[in-house]
Amino acid sequence: MRLKVLSGKETREFTCHAGENLLGFLRAQGYAISARCGGNGKCGKCRVRVIEGDLPAGKDGFVLSCTARIEGDAFIEVFESEGGGLTQTYSSALETDGEDGFGVALDIGTTTLAFALIDLKTGKEKEKFGVLNRQGAYGADVLSRIAAADGGNAKALQDCILAQTRDALSRFSKMIPDGRVRRLAVCGNTTMLHLFLGKDVHGIGQYPFRAAFLDTVRIAGSELGLDVEEVVLLPSVAAYFGADAVAGGLAAGVCGGVCLLADIGTNGEMLLHANGKLYATSTAAGPCFEGANIACGTGGVAGAIDSVSEKDGKITYTVIGGGEATGICGAGLIDAVALMLKKGIIDETGAFTGGVQRFYVSEKVYVSQEDVRNFQLAKSAVCAGIRVLLSEAGVSFSELEKLFVAGGLGFYLDPVNAVAVGLLPAETAQKLVIVGNTALAGTKECLLSKKKLREAERIAKAADYIDLSASSAFMDAYIENMDFGNKI
């Protein structure tokens, strides 16, 4: 069979076998197609447009690639994404050891990957980009990836990450004089790092939630089939508090004063410094803020609506990359929900009023009742986590000096709306510092400086991890924060 694929402005042709799964074939050719439901035909994120050929397209001309089989020649259009907020970084300080050559920093997120090519001598970024994590075909969150690995897909999950890393290294090698990357520094949540190395993740998914490793890992790139001299994985704190949050705490400078870092993504990881001690915790926010489980949701990538407002009675919005809106990311969803509350489209319980069931931001992008419910679960988990972490450390909101909000979401976030919808406690409104992808920034610091890597190791060792899974205080705060009680 002949398959012609249009992505953006590029068209490629492939030969394939009859009966092959369309999503599997496209991913094998390197296309970053989202499939948040794990390929079960439920989320609709893997849609492709059938331009011509023998594929079972619906009336709108689209077909779900996860359920489609290639039965004849066809011409299709796929919709890949990569973009801005994934790689926008904040760092409180930058040091280098002055080495010659280039290195790469990699932040492995559950939903997205962010890469940066760095001059090891000067610390300057030569290039950076973000892409969707191809593991999304196996599920939207950490638990679904663990289940997929336990079900026999561990090698496939590792191959997804390594293939994308090879692609990035190949892309970067063409930009540097000798074409050789010396070092790859990697952060991610604990599960992502295990999958990257091909380690067993079963213990992470089962009580008492134990990881196969937490410390810094150094190996030769050749052991993973990567064209890089050395690979360094940053240290983690616990099964559900990974190296991404450790790197974020390093980059934000959390250890200076009474400060809290909230890295809001599929996992809500929080690191607090107070009274000379470090406290860490995580909440299962779910993938809502990164577009999964939201009807028109997408990550913070090109085509995503990242802000929503009203001007002269008309709804206005902005789109990452400036093109046509193809979905809405977490920051846009927060704005949309805040506007819905302000206009009375939903009430304080999150229920739609007046018989309305959808709120259209653009002609094609909308927020549904189910989206609002999923959002309430996620925002309540984050807000409750912050409140309980401060309480466990004996810190009042008046004592808290700064709340750093990190992650791809943290780059586009409107802090006023984040407080208005109850994602962040109202008491923190004047203390918010939006810092973007601190995980990538901290990984960059560790790539450049052995001293910074040692600091990251000290953070990981010193942090007292507080498990909220069995906390009655967390559950009480979680239920209390479910509604939209803050004034808009």
Protein backbone atom coordinates (compact mmCIF):
# COMPACT_ATOMS: atom_id res chain seq x y z
CA MET A 1 0.00 0.00 0.00
CA ARG A 2 1.10 3.59 -0.67
CA LEU A 3 0.41 6.16 2.05
CA LYS A 4 0.98 9.87 1.42
CA VAL A 5 1.13 12.03 4.57
CA LEU A 6 0.80 15.81 4.80
CA SER A 7 2.07 17.45 8.01
CA GLY A 8 2.23 21.23 8.01
CA LYS A 9 3.75 22.11 4.66
CA GLU A 10 5.66 18.85 4.22
CA THR A 11 4.34 15.82 2.30
CA ARG A 12 6.04 12.41 2.51
CA GLU A 13 5.21 9.06 0.89
CA PHE A 14 5.55 5.62 2.49
CA THR A 15 5.03 1.98 1.63
CA CYS A 16 3.07 -0.04 4.18
CA HIS A 17 1.34 -3.40 4.55
CA ALA A 18 -2.40 -3.92 4.30
CA GLY A 19 -4.05 -4.18 7.69
CA GLU A 20 -1.47 -2.10 9.59
CA ASN A 21 -2.81 0.13 12.35
CA LEU A 22 -2.64 3.72 11.10
CA LEU A 23 -1.56 5.30 14.40
CA GLY A 24 1.15 2.70 14.95
CA PHE A 25 2.49 3.19 11.44
CA LEU A 26 2.54 6.98 11.71
CA ARG A 27 4.36 6.89 15.04
CA ALA A 28 6.90 4.45 13.62
CA GLN A 29 7.67 7.03 10.92
CA GLY A 30 8.33 9.68 13.59
CA TYR A 31 5.02 11.58 13.58
CA ALA A 32 4.04 13.00 16.99
CA ILE A 33 0.35 12.06 17.08
CA SER A 34 -1.46 12.48 20.39
CA ALA A 35 -3.54 9.55 21.71
CA ARG A 36 -4.27 10.32 25.34
CA CYS A 37 -6.70 7.42 25.88
CA GLY A 38 -3.98 4.89 25.06
CA GLY A 39 -5.36 4.12 21.60
CA ASN A 40 -8.81 3.02 22.79
CA GLY A 41 -10.79 5.25 20.43
CA LYS A 42 -12.17 7.47 23.19
CA CYS A 43 -10.28 10.79 23.38
CA GLY A 44 -10.41 11.77 19.69
CA LYS A 45 -6.95 13.38 19.84
CA CYS A 46 -5.44 11.15 17.14
CA ARG A 47 -7.77 12.29 14.36
CA VAL A 48 -6.31 12.59 10.87
CA ARG A 49 -8.00 14.08 7.82
CA VAL A 50 -8.56 11.78 4.87
CA ILE A 51 -7.84 13.73 1.70
CA GLU A 52 -8.37 10.74 -0.55
CA GLY A 53 -8.19 6.97 -0.39
CA ASP A 54 -9.65 3.91 1.27
CA LEU A 55 -10.01 4.87 4.93
CA PRO A 56 -13.31 4.89 6.91
CA ALA A 57 -13.65 8.65 7.35
CA GLY A 58 -16.72 10.17 8.97
CA LYS A 59 -18.89 12.88 7.45
CA ASP A 60 -16.39 15.50 8.56
CA GLY A 61 -13.61 13.77 6.60
CA PHE A 62 -11.70 12.67 9.71
CA VAL A 63 -10.84 9.24 11.08
CA LEU A 64 -9.39 8.11 14.41
CA SER A 65 -5.95 6.78 13.50
CA CYS A 66 -5.83 4.53 16.59
CA THR A 67 -8.74 2.41 15.31
CA ALA A 68 -8.14 2.72 11.54
CA ARG A 69 -6.49 0.01 9.47
CA ILE A 70 -4.68 0.73 6.21
CA GLU A 71 -6.51 -1.24 3.54
CA GLY A 72 -5.50 0.64 0.40
CA ASP A 73 -3.62 3.61 -1.01
CA ALA A 74 -4.46 6.84 0.76
CA PHE A 75 -3.52 10.50 1.22
CA ILE A 76 -3.99 11.91 4.72
CA GLU A 77 -3.20 15.03 6.75
CA VAL A 78 -1.83 14.67 10.29
CA PHE A 79 -1.59 17.32 12.96
CA GLU A 80 1.66 17.41 14.89
CA SER A 81 2.54 19.99 17.53
CA GLU A 82 5.53 21.60 19.14
CA GLY A 83 5.86 24.97 20.77
CA GLY A 84 6.80 27.70 23.14
CA GLY A 85 5.87 27.32 26.78
CA LEU A 86 7.57 23.95 27.01
CA THR A 87 11.01 25.49 26.70
CA GLN A 88 10.65 28.93 28.29
CA THR A 89 12.91 28.76 31.34
CA TYR A 90 13.72 30.71 34.45
CA SER A 91 16.94 30.38 36.42
CA SER A 92 18.04 32.23 39.54
CA ALA A 93 21.75 31.76 38.75
CA LEU A 94 24.00 30.30 36.06
CA GLU A 95 27.49 28.87 36.46
CA THR A 96 29.68 26.91 34.05
CA ASP A 97 32.75 24.72 34.46
CA GLY A 98 34.09 26.17 31.19
CA GLU A 99 34.27 22.90 29.26
CA ASP A 100 34.67 22.89 25.51
CA GLY A 101 31.91 21.47 23.34
CA PHE A 102 28.15 21.20 23.52
CA GLY A 103 25.64 19.40 25.71
CA VAL A 104 21.91 18.79 25.66
CA ALA A 105 19.39 19.25 28.47
CA LEU A 106 16.25 17.09 28.30
CA ASP A 107 13.10 17.40 30.40
CA ILE A 108 10.95 14.27 30.00
CA GLY A 109 7.40 15.23 30.84
CA THR A 110 4.51 12.80 30.86
CA THR A 111 2.86 14.77 28.07
CA THR A 112 5.76 16.65 26.48
CA LEU A 113 9.52 16.58 25.96
CA ALA A 114 11.68 19.70 26.02
CA PHE A 115 15.22 19.76 24.56
CA ALA A 116 17.89 22.47 24.68
CA LEU A 117 21.32 22.54 23.00
CA ILE A 118 23.83 24.33 25.24
CA ASP A 119 27.38 25.64 24.73
CA LEU A 120 29.21 24.09 27.69
CA LYS A 121 31.78 26.89 27.87
CA THR A 122 29.46 29.90 27.80
CA GLY A 123 26.15 28.42 28.94
CA LYS A 124 24.35 29.97 25.97
CA GLU A 125 21.43 28.15 24.37
CA LYS A 126 22.02 27.50 20.70
CA GLU A 127 18.65 25.87 20.02
CA LYS A 128 15.66 24.49 21.92
CA PHE A 129 12.32 22.91 21.10
CA GLY A 130 9.46 20.98 22.63
CA VAL A 131 7.39 18.08 21.30
CA LEU A 132 4.62 15.79 22.46
CA ASN A 133 5.81 12.65 24.23
CA ARG A 134 5.08 9.71 21.91
CA GLN A 135 4.37 7.56 24.93
CA GLY A 136 0.99 9.30 24.93
CA ALA A 137 -0.22 6.45 22.71
CA TYR A 138 -0.05 4.25 25.82
CA GLY A 139 -2.07 6.55 28.10
CA ALA A 140 -2.24 10.10 29.36
CA ASP A 141 -0.82 9.77 32.86
CA VAL A 142 1.88 8.02 34.87
CA LEU A 143 -0.40 5.24 36.15
CA SER A 144 -1.51 4.32 32.63
CA ARG A 145 2.13 4.16 31.51
CA ILE A 146 2.97 1.91 34.46
CA ALA A 147 0.03 -0.34 33.56
CA ALA A 148 1.20 -0.41 29.95
CA ALA A 149 4.72 -1.35 31.03
CA ASP A 150 3.37 -4.10 33.29
CA GLY A 151 1.28 -5.32 30.37
CA GLY A 152 4.30 -6.03 28.21
CA ASN A 153 4.95 -2.64 26.62
CA ALA A 154 7.95 -1.55 28.72
CA LYS A 155 10.37 -1.89 25.79
CA ALA A 156 8.02 0.00 23.46
CA LEU A 157 7.72 2.83 26.00
CA GLN A 158 11.50 3.06 26.29
CA ASP A 159 11.86 3.00 22.52
CA CYS A 160 9.47 5.96 22.19
CA ILE A 161 11.68 8.20 24.35
CA LEU A 162 14.98 6.99 22.98
CA ALA A 163 13.81 7.44 19.38
CA GLN A 164 12.79 11.03 20.07
CA THR A 165 16.06 11.65 21.88
CA ARG A 166 18.04 10.27 18.92
CA ASP A 167 16.07 12.55 16.60
CA ALA A 168 16.91 15.56 18.79
CA LEU A 169 20.61 14.65 19.00
CA SER A 170 20.74 14.21 15.23
CA ARG A 171 19.05 17.57 14.73
CA PHE A 172 21.43 19.28 17.14
CA SER A 173 24.57 17.61 15.78
CA LYS A 174 24.06 19.40 12.48
CA MET A 175 24.28 22.74 14.32
CA ILE A 176 27.66 22.31 16.02
CA PRO A 177 31.20 22.33 14.60
CA ASP A 178 32.29 18.74 15.21
CA GLY A 179 28.78 17.28 15.20
CA ARG A 180 29.34 15.57 18.54
CA VAL A 181 27.28 16.12 21.69
CA ARG A 182 29.42 15.53 24.77
CA ARG A 183 26.81 15.17 27.48
CA LEU A 184 23.06 14.65 27.83
CA ALA A 185 21.54 15.73 31.16
CA VAL A 186 18.05 14.38 31.82
CA CYS A 187 15.28 15.17 34.28
CA GLY A 188 11.73 13.91 34.54
CA ASN A 189 9.34 12.41 37.02
CA THR A 190 10.54 9.16 38.57
CA THR A 191 8.47 6.95 36.25
CA MET A 192 9.71 8.72 33.12
CA LEU A 193 13.33 8.26 34.17
CA HIS A 194 12.76 4.56 34.82
CA LEU A 195 11.17 4.10 31.40
CA PHE A 196 14.04 6.03 29.80
CA LEU A 197 16.53 3.53 31.23
CA GLY A 198 14.28 0.52 30.72
CA LYS A 199 13.96 -0.12 34.47
CA ASP A 200 11.03 -1.92 36.10
CA VAL A 201 8.29 0.53 37.14
CA HIS A 202 6.01 -2.00 38.84
CA GLY A 203 7.09 -0.93 42.34
CA ILE A 204 6.19 2.70 41.63
CA GLY A 205 2.60 1.76 40.91
CA GLN A 206 2.07 -0.45 43.97
CA TYR A 207 2.03 0.43 47.66
CA PRO A 208 4.44 1.24 49.34
CA PHE A 209 5.42 3.00 46.04
CA ARG A 210 9.11 2.23 45.78
CA ALA A 211 11.40 3.14 42.90
CA ALA A 212 14.21 0.99 41.55
CA PHE A 213 16.54 3.99 41.86
CA LEU A 214 16.46 7.62 43.04
CA ASP A 215 20.10 8.71 42.97
CA THR A 216 22.03 10.36 40.13
CA VAL A 217 22.78 7.95 37.28
CA ARG A 218 25.76 8.26 34.94
CA ILE A 219 26.14 5.97 31.94
CA ALA A 220 27.75 6.02 28.52
CA GLY A 221 25.42 7.09 25.74
CA SER A 222 26.32 3.93 23.82
CA GLU A 223 24.53 1.84 26.47
CA LEU A 224 21.28 3.38 25.31
CA GLY A 225 22.20 3.55 21.65
CA LEU A 226 22.56 7.33 21.86
CA ASP A 227 25.23 9.24 19.97
CA VAL A 228 26.49 11.13 23.02
CA GLU A 229 29.53 10.53 25.21
CA GLU A 230 27.77 10.59 28.59
CA VAL A 231 24.20 10.54 29.90
CA VAL A 232 23.47 11.96 33.38
CA LEU A 233 20.06 11.47 35.02
CA LEU A 234 19.36 13.92 37.83
CA PRO A 235 18.33 12.63 41.29
CA SER A 236 14.76 12.17 42.53
CA VAL A 237 13.24 12.31 46.02
CA ALA A 238 10.57 9.59 45.95
CA ALA A 239 8.45 7.48 43.62
CA TYR A 240 6.14 10.45 43.03
CA PHE A 241 8.59 13.30 43.40
CA GLY A 242 11.03 13.28 40.55
CA ALA A 243 14.16 14.92 39.24
CA ASP A 244 12.08 17.48 37.34
CA ALA A 245 10.88 19.03 40.60
CA VAL A 246 14.36 18.79 42.14
CA ALA A 247 15.78 20.63 39.11
CA GLY A 248 12.94 23.14 39.38
CA GLY A 249 13.75 23.87 43.00
CA LEU A 250 17.39 24.38 42.08
CA ALA A 251 16.60 26.77 39.23
CA ALA A 252 14.05 28.82 41.15
CA GLY A 253 16.34 29.21 44.15
CA VAL A 254 13.74 27.81 46.52
CA CYS A 255 16.30 27.37 49.29
CA GLY A 256 16.64 31.13 49.72
CA GLY A 257 13.95 32.15 52.22
CA VAL A 258 10.49 30.77 52.91
CA CYS A 259 9.59 29.76 49.37
CA LEU A 260 7.41 27.15 47.71
CA LEU A 261 7.69 25.78 44.17
CA ALA A 262 4.56 24.31 42.57
CA ASP A 263 5.30 22.51 39.31
CA ILE A 264 1.83 22.03 37.86
CA GLY A 265 1.43 19.41 35.18
CA THR A 266 0.11 15.86 35.04
CA ASN A 267 1.63 15.54 38.51
CA GLY A 268 1.47 18.49 40.88
CA GLU A 269 4.88 18.42 42.58
CA MET A 270 5.62 20.90 45.37
CA LEU A 271 8.84 21.77 47.17
CA LEU A 272 8.87 24.03 50.23
CA HIS A 273 11.85 25.56 52.03
CA ALA A 274 11.15 26.83 55.55
CA ASN A 275 12.92 26.91 58.90
CA GLY A 276 16.09 25.61 57.28
CA LYS A 277 14.33 22.45 56.06
CA LEU A 278 12.94 21.13 52.79
CA TYR A 279 9.51 19.56 52.48
CA ALA A 280 8.24 17.82 49.35
CA THR A 281 4.94 16.37 48.22
CA SER A 282 2.94 15.60 45.10
CA THR A 283 -0.71 15.49 44.14
CA ALA A 284 -2.36 13.47 41.41
CA ALA A 285 -3.65 16.48 39.48
CA GLY A 286 -4.17 14.31 36.41
CA PRO A 287 -3.48 15.34 32.81
CA CYS A 288 -6.23 17.98 32.67
CA PHE A 289 -3.78 20.90 32.66
CA GLU A 290 -1.91 19.38 29.73
CA GLY A 291 -4.98 18.86 27.59
CA ALA A 292 -5.97 15.26 28.27
CA ASN A 293 -9.50 14.44 29.45
CA ILE A 294 -10.60 17.79 27.98
CA ALA A 295 -12.76 17.59 24.84
CA CYS A 296 -10.76 20.19 22.89
CA GLY A 297 -7.69 20.01 25.10
CA THR A 298 -4.09 20.03 23.98
CA GLY A 299 -0.68 20.73 25.49
CA GLY A 300 0.98 24.16 25.51
CA VAL A 301 1.94 23.79 21.87
CA ALA A 302 1.38 25.50 18.53
CA GLY A 303 -2.32 25.94 17.80
CA ALA A 304 -3.39 25.93 21.45
CA ILE A 305 -5.53 28.73 22.85
CA ASP A 306 -3.44 30.01 25.75
CA SER A 307 -5.51 32.97 26.95
CA VAL A 308 -9.20 33.85 26.94
CA SER A 309 -10.83 37.17 27.83
CA GLU A 310 -13.75 39.40 26.99
CA LYS A 311 -13.56 42.79 25.33
CA ASP A 312 -16.56 44.97 24.55
CA GLY A 313 -18.84 42.00 25.18
CA LYS A 314 -16.96 39.79 22.73
CA ILE A 315 -14.85 36.76 23.61
CA THR A 316 -11.24 37.14 22.51
CA TYR A 317 -8.34 34.70 22.70
CA THR A 318 -4.73 34.22 21.71
CA VAL A 319 -3.16 31.18 20.06
CA ILE A 320 0.34 29.83 20.57
CA GLY A 321 2.19 30.31 17.30
CA GLY A 322 -0.44 32.76 16.04
CA GLY A 323 -2.19 30.34 13.67
CA GLU A 324 -5.64 28.78 13.70
CA ALA A 325 -6.91 27.54 17.06
CA THR A 326 -6.88 23.73 17.14
CA GLY A 327 -7.47 23.25 20.86
CA ILE A 328 -7.11 24.77 24.30
CA CYS A 329 -4.22 24.28 26.74
CA GLY A 330 -4.27 24.42 30.54
CA ALA A 331 -3.73 28.17 30.83
CA GLY A 332 -6.47 28.87 28.31
CA LEU A 333 -8.79 26.52 30.16
CA ILE A 334 -8.18 28.39 33.42
CA ASP A 335 -9.03 31.70 31.69
CA ALA A 336 -12.12 30.19 30.07
CA VAL A 337 -13.43 28.81 33.36
CA ALA A 338 -12.77 32.15 35.08
CA LEU A 339 -14.73 33.95 32.36
CA MET A 340 -17.56 31.42 32.58
CA LEU A 341 -17.81 32.11 36.31
CA LYS A 342 -17.73 35.85 35.80
CA LYS A 343 -20.49 35.71 33.18
CA GLY A 344 -22.62 33.30 35.22
CA ILE A 345 -22.40 30.56 32.60
CA ILE A 346 -21.44 28.18 35.42
CA ASP A 347 -22.30 28.58 39.10
CA GLU A 348 -20.10 28.08 42.18
CA THR A 349 -20.64 24.31 42.01
CA GLY A 350 -19.35 24.22 38.44
CA ALA A 351 -22.75 23.42 36.93
CA PHE A 352 -23.80 25.08 33.67
CA THR A 353 -26.76 27.44 34.01
CA GLY A 354 -29.64 28.20 31.67
CA GLY A 355 -29.59 24.83 29.93
CA VAL A 356 -26.22 25.52 28.27
CA GLN A 357 -23.90 22.52 27.94
CA ARG A 358 -20.94 24.00 26.05
CA PHE A 359 -19.04 27.28 26.16
CA TYR A 360 -17.52 28.08 22.78
CA VAL A 361 -14.22 29.99 22.89
CA SER A 362 -13.81 29.85 19.12
CA GLU A 363 -15.93 28.41 16.33
CA LYS A 364 -14.52 24.92 16.92
CA VAL A 365 -12.99 25.01 20.40
CA TYR A 366 -15.29 24.71 23.39
CA VAL A 367 -15.42 23.79 27.08
CA SER A 368 -18.01 21.18 28.12
CA GLN A 369 -19.68 20.32 31.43
CA GLU A 370 -17.44 17.25 31.74
CA ASP A 371 -14.39 19.46 31.11
CA VAL A 372 -15.38 21.70 34.02
CA ARG A 373 -15.79 18.68 36.29
CA ASN A 374 -12.36 17.33 35.33
CA PHE A 375 -10.89 20.78 35.89
CA GLN A 376 -12.45 20.99 39.36
CA LEU A 377 -10.82 17.70 40.39
CA ALA A 378 -7.42 18.84 39.16
CA LYS A 379 -7.45 22.37 40.55
CA SER A 380 -8.70 21.18 43.92
CA ALA A 381 -5.85 18.65 44.20
CA VAL A 382 -3.25 21.37 43.58
CA CYS A 383 -4.80 23.92 45.94
CA ALA A 384 -5.28 21.32 48.70
CA GLY A 385 -1.70 20.11 48.26
CA ILE A 386 -0.32 23.61 48.79
CA ARG A 387 -2.45 24.19 51.87
CA VAL A 388 -1.57 20.86 53.50
CA LEU A 389 2.15 21.11 52.71
CA LEU A 390 2.35 24.50 54.42
CA SER A 391 0.36 23.18 57.36
CA GLU A 392 2.59 20.11 57.75
CA ALA A 393 5.65 22.37 57.80
CA GLY A 394 4.05 24.72 60.31
CA VAL A 395 4.18 27.68 57.91
CA SER A 396 1.42 30.27 57.68
CA PHE A 397 0.51 32.07 54.47
CA SER A 398 1.73 35.31 56.01
CA GLU A 399 5.18 33.75 56.49
CA LEU A 400 5.39 32.49 52.91
CA GLU A 401 7.53 34.88 50.87
CA LYS A 402 7.15 33.51 47.33
CA LEU A 403 5.12 30.88 45.50
CA PHE A 404 6.91 29.93 42.28
CA VAL A 405 4.50 28.48 39.69
CA ALA A 406 6.40 26.30 37.25
CA GLY A 407 5.86 24.02 34.26
CA GLY A 408 4.69 24.67 30.71
CA LEU A 409 1.44 25.85 32.30
CA GLY A 410 3.37 28.34 34.40
CA PHE A 411 4.61 30.18 31.32
CA TYR A 412 1.14 31.11 30.02
CA LEU A 413 -0.73 31.26 33.33
CA ASP A 414 -2.75 34.35 34.28
CA PRO A 415 -2.17 34.53 38.06
CA VAL A 416 -5.36 36.52 38.72
CA ASN A 417 -7.50 33.88 37.05
CA ALA A 418 -5.55 31.04 38.70
CA VAL A 419 -6.56 32.45 42.09
CA ALA A 420 -10.09 33.24 40.94
CA VAL A 421 -10.86 29.63 39.98
CA GLY A 422 -9.24 28.24 43.13
CA LEU A 423 -6.23 26.59 41.52
CA LEU A 424 -3.99 28.61 43.84
CA PRO A 425 -4.98 29.74 47.36
CA ALA A 426 -6.29 33.31 47.53
CA GLU A 427 -3.76 34.02 50.28
CA THR A 428 -0.92 33.63 47.74
CA ALA A 429 -2.23 36.18 45.23
CA GLN A 430 0.44 38.78 45.99
CA LYS A 431 3.27 36.25 46.27
CA LEU A 432 3.09 34.50 42.90
CA VAL A 433 6.14 34.31 40.64
CA ILE A 434 5.46 32.71 37.24
CA VAL A 435 8.65 30.94 36.18
CA GLY A 436 7.87 28.60 33.25
CA ASN A 437 9.89 25.42 32.76
CA THR A 438 12.25 25.45 35.74
CA ALA A 439 12.83 21.72 35.27
CA LEU A 440 14.62 22.34 31.99
CA ALA A 441 16.45 25.34 33.47
CA GLY A 442 17.71 23.31 36.45
CA THR A 443 18.79 20.48 34.17
CA LYS A 444 20.71 23.00 32.11
CA GLU A 445 22.46 24.21 35.29
CA CYS A 446 23.46 20.64 36.19
CA LEU A 447 24.68 20.07 32.64
CA LEU A 448 27.00 23.05 32.91
CA SER A 449 28.25 22.78 36.48
CA LYS A 450 29.31 19.89 38.74
CA LYS A 451 28.68 22.19 41.70
CA LYS A 452 25.07 22.68 40.65
CA LEU A 453 24.61 18.93 40.25
CA ARG A 454 25.87 18.44 43.80
CA GLU A 455 23.35 21.07 44.97
CA ALA A 456 20.57 19.14 43.23
CA GLU A 457 21.75 16.00 44.99
CA ARG A 458 21.65 17.79 48.36
CA ILE A 459 18.09 18.97 47.68
CA ALA A 460 17.01 15.42 46.80
CA LYS A 461 18.63 13.94 49.91
CA ALA A 462 17.42 16.65 52.31
CA ALA A 463 13.77 16.84 51.23
CA ASP A 464 11.31 15.31 53.68
CA TYR A 465 8.64 13.68 51.48
CA ILE A 466 5.07 13.94 52.78
CA ASP A 467 2.74 11.28 51.37
CA LEU A 468 -0.71 12.79 50.87
CA SER A 469 -2.34 9.56 49.68
CA ALA A 470 -3.30 8.56 53.23
CA SER A 471 -3.74 12.09 54.62
CA SER A 472 -7.18 12.89 56.04
CA ALA A 473 -6.20 16.58 56.12
CA PHE A 474 -5.54 16.49 52.39
CA MET A 475 -8.85 14.78 51.67
CA ASP A 476 -10.72 17.36 53.75
CA ALA A 477 -8.97 20.24 51.96
CA TYR A 478 -9.54 18.54 48.60
CA ILE A 479 -13.30 18.35 49.15
CA GLU A 480 -13.45 21.86 50.59
CA ASN A 481 -11.70 23.36 47.55
CA MET A 482 -13.79 21.55 44.93
CA ASP A 483 -16.28 24.36 44.36
CA PHE A 484 -15.48 27.80 42.96
CA GLY A 485 -15.69 29.85 46.14
CA ASN A 486 -13.30 32.70 45.25
CA LYS A 487 -14.72 35.98 44.01
CA ILE A 488 -14.03 36.91 40.37
